[in-house]
Protein backbone atom coordinates (compact mmCIF):
# COMPACT_ATOMS: atom_id res chain seq x y z
CA MET A 1 -125.90 -3.99 -110.36
CA PRO A 2 -126.72 -1.50 -113.07
CA THR A 3 -127.77 1.10 -110.34
CA VAL A 4 -124.30 0.76 -108.73
CA VAL A 5 -122.53 1.31 -112.17
CA THR A 6 -124.72 4.33 -112.87
CA ALA A 7 -124.03 5.76 -109.57
CA GLY A 8 -120.14 5.25 -110.09
CA VAL A 9 -120.34 6.84 -113.54
CA ALA A 10 -122.35 9.76 -112.16
CA ALA A 11 -119.81 10.32 -109.39
CA ALA A 12 -116.98 10.14 -111.86
CA LEU A 13 -118.62 12.67 -114.22
CA PHE A 14 -119.52 14.95 -111.17
CA SER A 15 -115.72 14.88 -110.06
CA LEU A 16 -114.58 15.66 -113.55
CA GLY A 17 -116.94 18.57 -113.74
CA VAL A 18 -115.51 20.11 -110.41
CA VAL A 19 -111.93 19.78 -111.62
CA LEU A 20 -112.70 21.46 -114.80
CA LEU A 21 -114.51 24.31 -113.06
CA GLY A 22 -111.50 24.73 -110.86
CA ALA A 23 -109.15 24.94 -113.78
CA ALA A 24 -111.45 27.32 -115.63
CA GLY A 25 -111.32 29.58 -112.52
CA GLN A 26 -107.48 29.56 -112.46
CA VAL A 27 -107.36 30.46 -116.15
CA SER A 28 -109.91 33.21 -115.64
CA ALA A 29 -107.86 34.58 -112.72
CA GLN A 30 -104.82 34.59 -114.87
CA HIS A 31 -106.38 36.50 -117.74
CA GLU A 32 -107.84 39.03 -115.24
CA ALA A 33 -104.62 39.61 -113.63
CA GLN A 34 -102.87 39.99 -117.05
CA VAL A 35 -105.41 42.60 -118.26
CA ALA A 36 -105.18 44.61 -114.98
CA ALA A 37 -101.33 44.51 -115.04
CA ASP A 38 -101.41 45.69 -118.77
CA LEU A 39 -103.81 48.53 -117.98
CA ALA A 40 -102.06 49.55 -114.94
CA ALA A 41 -98.62 49.67 -116.65
CA VAL A 42 -100.03 51.71 -119.65
CA ALA A 43 -101.85 54.18 -117.29
CA GLY A 44 -98.72 54.47 -115.18
CA ALA A 45 -96.44 55.14 -118.17
CA PHE A 46 -98.87 57.57 -119.40
CA ALA A 47 -98.82 59.49 -115.99
CA VAL A 48 -94.97 59.38 -116.18
CA TYR A 49 -95.15 60.95 -119.65
CA ARG A 50 -97.42 63.74 -118.29
CA GLY A 51 -95.00 64.29 -115.33
CA GLU A 52 -97.12 62.65 -112.58
CA ASP A 53 -96.54 59.81 -110.31
CA GLY A 54 -96.81 56.63 -112.38
CA CYS A 55 -97.16 54.24 -109.55
CA THR A 56 -100.15 56.20 -108.05
CA ALA A 57 -101.91 56.06 -111.42
CA ALA A 58 -101.07 52.45 -111.77
CA ALA A 59 -102.29 51.50 -108.28
CA THR A 60 -105.75 53.28 -109.06
CA VAL A 61 -106.19 51.49 -112.41
CA ALA A 62 -105.29 48.14 -110.89
CA GLU A 63 -107.80 48.60 -107.96
CA ASP A 64 -110.50 49.76 -110.47
CA ASN A 65 -109.91 46.32 -112.30
CA GLY A 66 -110.17 44.35 -108.95
CA ALA A 67 -106.41 43.69 -108.58
CA SER A 68 -103.91 44.82 -105.95
CA LEU A 69 -100.75 46.33 -107.02
CA ILE A 70 -97.89 44.18 -105.59
CA ASP A 71 -94.90 46.14 -107.07
CA CYS A 72 -94.14 49.28 -109.13
CA ARG A 73 -90.84 50.23 -110.56
CA GLY A 74 -89.96 52.94 -113.06
CA ALA A 75 -86.74 52.96 -115.25
CA GLY A 76 -86.63 56.08 -117.31
CA ALA A 77 -89.90 56.35 -119.02
CA ASP A 78 -90.83 52.73 -118.58
CA LEU A 79 -93.04 51.38 -115.79
CA THR A 80 -93.07 47.85 -114.62
CA VAL A 81 -95.96 46.81 -112.40
CA THR A 82 -96.98 43.56 -110.78
CA ALA A 83 -100.67 42.93 -110.25
CA LYS A 84 -102.42 40.24 -108.23
CA ILE A 85 -105.94 38.78 -108.49
CA ARG A 86 -107.12 35.60 -106.52
CA GLY A 87 -103.56 34.36 -106.04
CA ARG A 88 -102.30 35.03 -109.66
CA GLU A 89 -99.49 37.58 -110.00
CA VAL A 90 -98.70 38.98 -113.44
CA THR A 91 -95.89 41.47 -114.40
CA SER A 92 -96.36 43.97 -117.21
CA THR A 93 -94.03 46.79 -118.56
CA ALA A 94 -95.10 49.83 -120.64
CA GLY A 95 -93.40 52.89 -121.91
CA PRO A 96 -92.68 54.66 -125.11
CA ALA A 97 -91.55 52.59 -127.98
């Protein structure tokens, strides 16, 4: 009987570990997408400031960070980008203060 209980406890702990690893992966993807979007927005806004195409610069920086640029919109000197990594989409805006 103790062997059955031990096997059940081991299975429960293994299942809990799998769930925790999955959750940690989603949190990691969210943070990576946020960093990629923030960097892309800042790079794009700086490119606009220099008179260049901000969306091209933002796309390059997003790709360098392992993200794909989903959307890029400029409003004056501000640039809003949406980056995606492993199913997580994050939007970030940058421009002069």
